[in-house]
């Protein structure tokens, strides 16, 4: 899909109005206009990707970290029981999302959000075959992404120790730091 025709790119470029809760150079968080529950936020990468698997690893890690922090802000501000983080290419049958979105869906005891599926019956040999196939694919991905060691021709000069680092605002979550 071309970026000019992607509604989420238009939102990120402010060509379509939205209720923005977060915005930085890479990611935007907006209230969903058809929310699953009160406070449902859509996290939108500003660069167009059809799905999260197209995103470079470093960008994805930053994206998911920001989504986690915004989810925590939802917990603090709206006091739901939980916040679900949902990524799916197809939200409902036939409703394909053309952009790599992460939905942050607050869950309340009286909400109507329902994830239902019919459990599949599987034999032990099916589980074993699936386990083997996935493990094999993981190894192929590891091999493809493992950088080859390079021979250093020269040593890079050391940076002065008194370099001032840019501080980012932090929120402590259960003794772990979340960075926006």
C-alpha atoms as a PDB file:
ATOM      1  CA  UNK A   1       0.000   0.000   0.000  1.00  0.00           C
ATOM      2  CA  UNK A   2       1.298   3.435  -0.861  1.00  0.00           C
ATOM      3  CA  UNK A   3       1.931   5.755   2.077  1.00  0.00           C
ATOM      4  CA  UNK A   4      -0.254   8.476   0.541  1.00  0.00           C
ATOM      5  CA  UNK A   5      -3.247   6.112   0.676  1.00  0.00           C
ATOM      6  CA  UNK A   6      -2.556   4.671   4.145  1.00  0.00           C
ATOM      7  CA  UNK A   7      -4.917   6.198   6.719  1.00  0.00           C
ATOM      8  CA  UNK A   8      -2.365   5.617   9.478  1.00  0.00           C
ATOM      9  CA  UNK A   9       0.367   7.441   7.537  1.00  0.00           C
ATOM     10  CA  UNK A  10      -2.103  10.299   7.031  1.00  0.00           C
ATOM     11  CA  UNK A  11      -2.772  10.369  10.793  1.00  0.00           C
ATOM     12  CA  UNK A  12       0.977  10.322  11.528  1.00  0.00           C
ATOM     13  CA  UNK A  13       1.508  13.176   9.050  1.00  0.00           C
ATOM     14  CA  UNK A  14      -1.395  15.101  10.616  1.00  0.00           C
ATOM     15  CA  UNK A  15      -3.412  15.079   7.388  1.00  0.00           C
ATOM     16  CA  UNK A  16      -6.241  13.414   9.320  1.00  0.00           C
ATOM     17  CA  UNK A  17      -7.248  14.692  12.773  1.00  0.00           C
ATOM     18  CA  UNK A  18      -6.737  12.436  15.779  1.00  0.00           C
ATOM     19  CA  UNK A  19      -6.724  12.468  19.574  1.00  0.00           C
ATOM     20  CA  UNK A  20      -2.978  12.235  20.086  1.00  0.00           C
ATOM     21  CA  UNK A  21      -1.675  10.917  23.427  1.00  0.00           C
ATOM     22  CA  UNK A  22       1.991  10.444  22.444  1.00  0.00           C
ATOM     23  CA  UNK A  23       4.253  11.750  19.687  1.00  0.00           C
ATOM     24  CA  UNK A  24       7.985  11.661  19.041  1.00  0.00           C
ATOM     25  CA  UNK A  25      10.116  11.478  15.911  1.00  0.00           C
ATOM     26  CA  UNK A  26       9.336   7.817  15.278  1.00  0.00           C
ATOM     27  CA  UNK A  27       6.035   6.836  16.922  1.00  0.00           C
ATOM     28  CA  UNK A  28       2.623   8.324  17.506  1.00  0.00           C
ATOM     29  CA  UNK A  29      -0.068   7.113  19.918  1.00  0.00           C
ATOM     30  CA  UNK A  30      -3.699   8.050  19.201  1.00  0.00           C
ATOM     31  CA  UNK A  31      -7.050   7.114  20.649  1.00  0.00           C
ATOM     32  CA  UNK A  32      -8.808   4.536  18.474  1.00  0.00           C
ATOM     33  CA  UNK A  33     -11.969   6.017  16.904  1.00  0.00           C
ATOM     34  CA  UNK A  34     -13.684   2.616  17.287  1.00  0.00           C
ATOM     35  CA  UNK A  35     -12.341   1.592  20.682  1.00  0.00           C
ATOM     36  CA  UNK A  36     -12.589  -1.893  22.115  1.00  0.00           C
ATOM     37  CA  UNK A  37     -12.709  -0.252  25.559  1.00  0.00           C
ATOM     38  CA  UNK A  38     -12.301   3.163  27.207  1.00  0.00           C
ATOM     39  CA  UNK A  39      -8.735   4.369  26.553  1.00  0.00           C
ATOM     40  CA  UNK A  40      -7.917   2.092  23.584  1.00  0.00           C
ATOM     41  CA  UNK A  41      -4.742   3.556  22.014  1.00  0.00           C
ATOM     42  CA  UNK A  42      -3.218   2.719  18.641  1.00  0.00           C
ATOM     43  CA  UNK A  43       0.570   3.030  18.443  1.00  0.00           C
ATOM     44  CA  UNK A  44       1.565   4.052  14.906  1.00  0.00           C
ATOM     45  CA  UNK A  45       5.117   4.006  13.525  1.00  0.00           C
ATOM     46  CA  UNK A  46       5.512   7.224  11.512  1.00  0.00           C
ATOM     47  CA  UNK A  47       7.403   5.377   8.792  1.00  0.00           C
ATOM     48  CA  UNK A  48       5.147   3.062   6.789  1.00  0.00           C
ATOM     49  CA  UNK A  49       5.638  -0.662   7.345  1.00  0.00           C
ATOM     50  CA  UNK A  50       3.009  -3.180   6.278  1.00  0.00           C
ATOM     51  CA  UNK A  51       3.770  -5.278   9.355  1.00  0.00           C
ATOM     52  CA  UNK A  52       6.169  -5.430  12.295  1.00  0.00           C
ATOM     53  CA  UNK A  53       8.351  -7.999  10.528  1.00  0.00           C
ATOM     54  CA  UNK A  54       9.389  -5.385   7.942  1.00  0.00           C
ATOM     55  CA  UNK A  55      10.710  -3.055  10.644  1.00  0.00           C
ATOM     56  CA  UNK A  56      14.438  -2.992  11.321  1.00  0.00           C
ATOM     57  CA  UNK A  57      15.172  -4.654  14.679  1.00  0.00           C
ATOM     58  CA  UNK A  58      16.389  -1.467  16.373  1.00  0.00           C
ATOM     59  CA  UNK A  59      13.279   0.479  15.331  1.00  0.00           C
ATOM     60  CA  UNK A  60      10.998  -2.330  16.484  1.00  0.00           C
ATOM     61  CA  UNK A  61      12.683  -2.473  19.897  1.00  0.00           C
ATOM     62  CA  UNK A  62      12.220   1.278  20.331  1.00  0.00           C
ATOM     63  CA  UNK A  63       8.612   0.996  19.113  1.00  0.00           C
ATOM     64  CA  UNK A  64       7.694  -1.810  21.507  1.00  0.00           C
ATOM     65  CA  UNK A  65       9.440  -0.039  24.395  1.00  0.00           C
ATOM     66  CA  UNK A  66       7.407   3.116  23.805  1.00  0.00           C
ATOM     67  CA  UNK A  67       4.196   1.072  23.461  1.00  0.00           C
ATOM     68  CA  UNK A  68       4.981  -0.541  26.828  1.00  0.00           C
ATOM     69  CA  UNK A  69       5.529   2.874  28.444  1.00  0.00           C
ATOM     70  CA  UNK A  70       2.287   4.265  27.001  1.00  0.00           C
ATOM     71  CA  UNK A  71       0.495   1.138  28.250  1.00  0.00           C
ATOM     72  CA  UNK A  72       1.823   1.865  31.717  1.00  0.00           C
ATOM     73  CA  UNK A  73       0.598   5.462  31.442  1.00  0.00           C
ATOM     74  CA  UNK A  74      -2.857   4.053  30.626  1.00  0.00           C
ATOM     75  CA  UNK A  75      -2.668   1.910  33.779  1.00  0.00           C
ATOM     76  CA  UNK A  76      -1.758   4.970  35.862  1.00  0.00           C
ATOM     77  CA  UNK A  77      -4.343   7.315  34.361  1.00  0.00           C
ATOM     78  CA  UNK A  78      -7.416   5.151  33.812  1.00  0.00           C
ATOM     79  CA  UNK A  79      -6.887   2.372  36.406  1.00  0.00           C
ATOM     80  CA  UNK A  80      -8.025  -0.590  34.264  1.00  0.00           C
ATOM     81  CA  UNK A  81      -7.430  -4.129  35.535  1.00  0.00           C
ATOM     82  CA  UNK A  82      -4.811  -4.619  32.804  1.00  0.00           C
ATOM     83  CA  UNK A  83      -3.719  -3.299  29.411  1.00  0.00           C
ATOM     84  CA  UNK A  84      -3.472  -5.786  26.561  1.00  0.00           C
ATOM     85  CA  UNK A  85      -0.892  -5.189  23.874  1.00  0.00           C
ATOM     86  CA  UNK A  86      -2.242  -6.562  20.603  1.00  0.00           C
ATOM     87  CA  UNK A  87      -0.620  -6.858  17.217  1.00  0.00           C
ATOM     88  CA  UNK A  88      -2.426  -8.598  14.412  1.00  0.00           C
ATOM     89  CA  UNK A  89      -2.510  -8.139  10.665  1.00  0.00           C
ATOM     90  CA  UNK A  90      -6.215  -8.936  10.541  1.00  0.00           C
ATOM     91  CA  UNK A  91      -8.344  -7.492  13.331  1.00  0.00           C
ATOM     92  CA  UNK A  92     -11.562  -9.101  12.154  1.00  0.00           C
ATOM     93  CA  UNK A  93     -12.305 -11.352   9.222  1.00  0.00           C
ATOM     94  CA  UNK A  94     -11.665  -9.305   6.111  1.00  0.00           C
ATOM     95  CA  UNK A  95     -10.473  -6.193   7.998  1.00  0.00           C
ATOM     96  CA  UNK A  96      -6.765  -6.149   7.127  1.00  0.00           C
ATOM     97  CA  UNK A  97      -4.681  -3.384   8.688  1.00  0.00           C
ATOM     98  CA  UNK A  98      -2.240  -1.933   6.136  1.00  0.00           C
ATOM     99  CA  UNK A  99       0.205  -0.597   8.755  1.00  0.00           C
ATOM    100  CA  UNK A 100       2.293  -2.102  11.574  1.00  0.00           C
ATOM    101  CA  UNK A 101       0.061  -1.069  14.484  1.00  0.00           C
ATOM    102  CA  UNK A 102       0.127  -2.067  18.121  1.00  0.00           C
ATOM    103  CA  UNK A 103      -3.167  -1.724  19.980  1.00  0.00           C
ATOM    104  CA  UNK A 104      -3.114  -0.948  23.695  1.00  0.00           C
ATOM    105  CA  UNK A 105      -6.469  -2.104  25.002  1.00  0.00           C
ATOM    106  CA  UNK A 106      -7.375  -1.361  28.618  1.00  0.00           C
ATOM    107  CA  UNK A 107      -9.254  -4.254  30.176  1.00  0.00           C
ATOM    108  CA  UNK A 108     -11.985  -3.686  32.740  1.00  0.00           C
ATOM    109  CA  UNK A 109     -14.050  -6.265  34.607  1.00  0.00           C
ATOM    110  CA  UNK A 110     -17.191  -5.129  32.766  1.00  0.00           C
ATOM    111  CA  UNK A 111     -15.752  -4.632  29.246  1.00  0.00           C
ATOM    112  CA  UNK A 112     -17.038  -6.498  26.202  1.00  0.00           C
ATOM    113  CA  UNK A 113     -13.634  -7.341  24.680  1.00  0.00           C
ATOM    114  CA  UNK A 114     -13.639 -11.009  23.763  1.00  0.00           C
ATOM    115  CA  UNK A 115     -10.863 -13.094  22.245  1.00  0.00           C
ATOM    116  CA  UNK A 116     -12.427 -16.436  21.439  1.00  0.00           C
ATOM    117  CA  UNK A 117     -11.083 -19.374  19.499  1.00  0.00           C
ATOM    118  CA  UNK A 118     -11.938 -23.016  19.251  1.00  0.00           C
ATOM    119  CA  UNK A 119      -9.094 -25.106  20.700  1.00  0.00           C
ATOM    120  CA  UNK A 120      -7.582 -27.425  18.106  1.00  0.00           C
ATOM    121  CA  UNK A 121      -7.173 -31.155  18.750  1.00  0.00           C
ATOM    122  CA  UNK A 122      -3.591 -32.196  18.061  1.00  0.00           C
ATOM    123  CA  UNK A 123      -1.673 -35.428  18.400  1.00  0.00           C
ATOM    124  CA  UNK A 124       1.760 -35.638  20.042  1.00  0.00           C
ATOM    125  CA  UNK A 125       3.477 -36.139  16.664  1.00  0.00           C
ATOM    126  CA  UNK A 126       1.823 -32.909  15.409  1.00  0.00           C
ATOM    127  CA  UNK A 127       3.261 -30.965  18.358  1.00  0.00           C
ATOM    128  CA  UNK A 128       6.684 -32.507  17.730  1.00  0.00           C
ATOM    129  CA  UNK A 129       6.626 -31.662  14.005  1.00  0.00           C
ATOM    130  CA  UNK A 130       5.581 -28.063  14.714  1.00  0.00           C
ATOM    131  CA  UNK A 131       8.200 -27.714  17.457  1.00  0.00           C
ATOM    132  CA  UNK A 132      10.917 -28.974  15.083  1.00  0.00           C
ATOM    133  CA  UNK A 133       9.808 -26.694  12.227  1.00  0.00           C
ATOM    134  CA  UNK A 134       9.780 -23.562  14.415  1.00  0.00           C
ATOM    135  CA  UNK A 135      13.141 -24.369  16.026  1.00  0.00           C
ATOM    136  CA  UNK A 136      14.653 -24.903  12.580  1.00  0.00           C
ATOM    137  CA  UNK A 137      13.287 -21.575  11.340  1.00  0.00           C
ATOM    138  CA  UNK A 138      14.657 -19.812  14.452  1.00  0.00           C
ATOM    139  CA  UNK A 139      18.117 -21.200  13.729  1.00  0.00           C
ATOM    140  CA  UNK A 140      17.923 -19.980  10.112  1.00  0.00           C
ATOM    141  CA  UNK A 141      16.917 -16.498  11.314  1.00  0.00           C
ATOM    142  CA  UNK A 142      19.778 -16.473  13.837  1.00  0.00           C
ATOM    143  CA  UNK A 143      22.268 -17.451  11.134  1.00  0.00           C
ATOM    144  CA  UNK A 144      20.965 -14.799   8.739  1.00  0.00           C
ATOM    145  CA  UNK A 145      21.059 -11.999  11.325  1.00  0.00           C
ATOM    146  CA  UNK A 146      24.286 -12.858  13.126  1.00  0.00           C
ATOM    147  CA  UNK A 147      26.845 -10.263  12.083  1.00  0.00           C
ATOM    148  CA  UNK A 148      30.163 -11.667  10.904  1.00  0.00           C
ATOM    149  CA  UNK A 149      33.139 -10.449  12.953  1.00  0.00           C
ATOM    150  CA  UNK A 150      35.089  -7.819  11.055  1.00  0.00           C
ATOM    151  CA  UNK A 151      38.808  -7.358  11.128  1.00  0.00           C
ATOM    152  CA  UNK A 152      39.677  -3.989  12.665  1.00  0.00           C
ATOM    153  CA  UNK A 153      42.135  -2.041  10.566  1.00  0.00           C
ATOM    154  CA  UNK A 154      42.532   0.707  13.168  1.00  0.00           C
ATOM    155  CA  UNK A 155      41.324   1.417  16.679  1.00  0.00           C
ATOM    156  CA  UNK A 156      38.689   4.096  17.015  1.00  0.00           C
ATOM    157  CA  UNK A 157      39.718   6.985  19.269  1.00  0.00           C
ATOM    158  CA  UNK A 158      38.186   6.879  22.742  1.00  0.00           C
ATOM    159  CA  UNK A 159      35.576   9.502  23.531  1.00  0.00           C
ATOM    160  CA  UNK A 160      36.364  11.914  26.344  1.00  0.00           C
ATOM    161  CA  UNK A 161      34.866  10.803  29.632  1.00  0.00           C
ATOM    162  CA  UNK A 162      33.339  14.194  30.380  1.00  0.00           C
ATOM    163  CA  UNK A 163      30.910  13.916  27.421  1.00  0.00           C
ATOM    164  CA  UNK A 164      27.450  15.061  28.498  1.00  0.00           C
ATOM    165  CA  UNK A 165      24.768  12.494  27.762  1.00  0.00           C
ATOM    166  CA  UNK A 166      21.237  13.523  26.886  1.00  0.00           C
ATOM    167  CA  UNK A 167      18.868  12.577  29.682  1.00  0.00           C
ATOM    168  CA  UNK A 168      15.469  11.132  28.767  1.00  0.00           C
ATOM    169  CA  UNK A 169      12.476  11.329  31.105  1.00  0.00           C
ATOM    170  CA  UNK A 170      12.035   8.073  32.991  1.00  0.00           C
ATOM    171  CA  UNK A 171       9.198   6.392  34.848  1.00  0.00           C
ATOM    172  CA  UNK A 172       9.951   3.645  37.339  1.00  0.00           C
ATOM    173  CA  UNK A 173       7.769   0.575  36.938  1.00  0.00           C
ATOM    174  CA  UNK A 174       8.193  -2.136  39.558  1.00  0.00           C
ATOM    175  CA  UNK A 175      11.819  -1.066  40.019  1.00  0.00           C
ATOM    176  CA  UNK A 176      12.449  -1.327  36.263  1.00  0.00           C
ATOM    177  CA  UNK A 177      12.945   1.771  34.176  1.00  0.00           C
ATOM    178  CA  UNK A 178      10.733   2.677  31.227  1.00  0.00           C
ATOM    179  CA  UNK A 179      12.120   5.315  28.903  1.00  0.00           C
ATOM    180  CA  UNK A 180      10.009   7.482  26.596  1.00  0.00           C
END
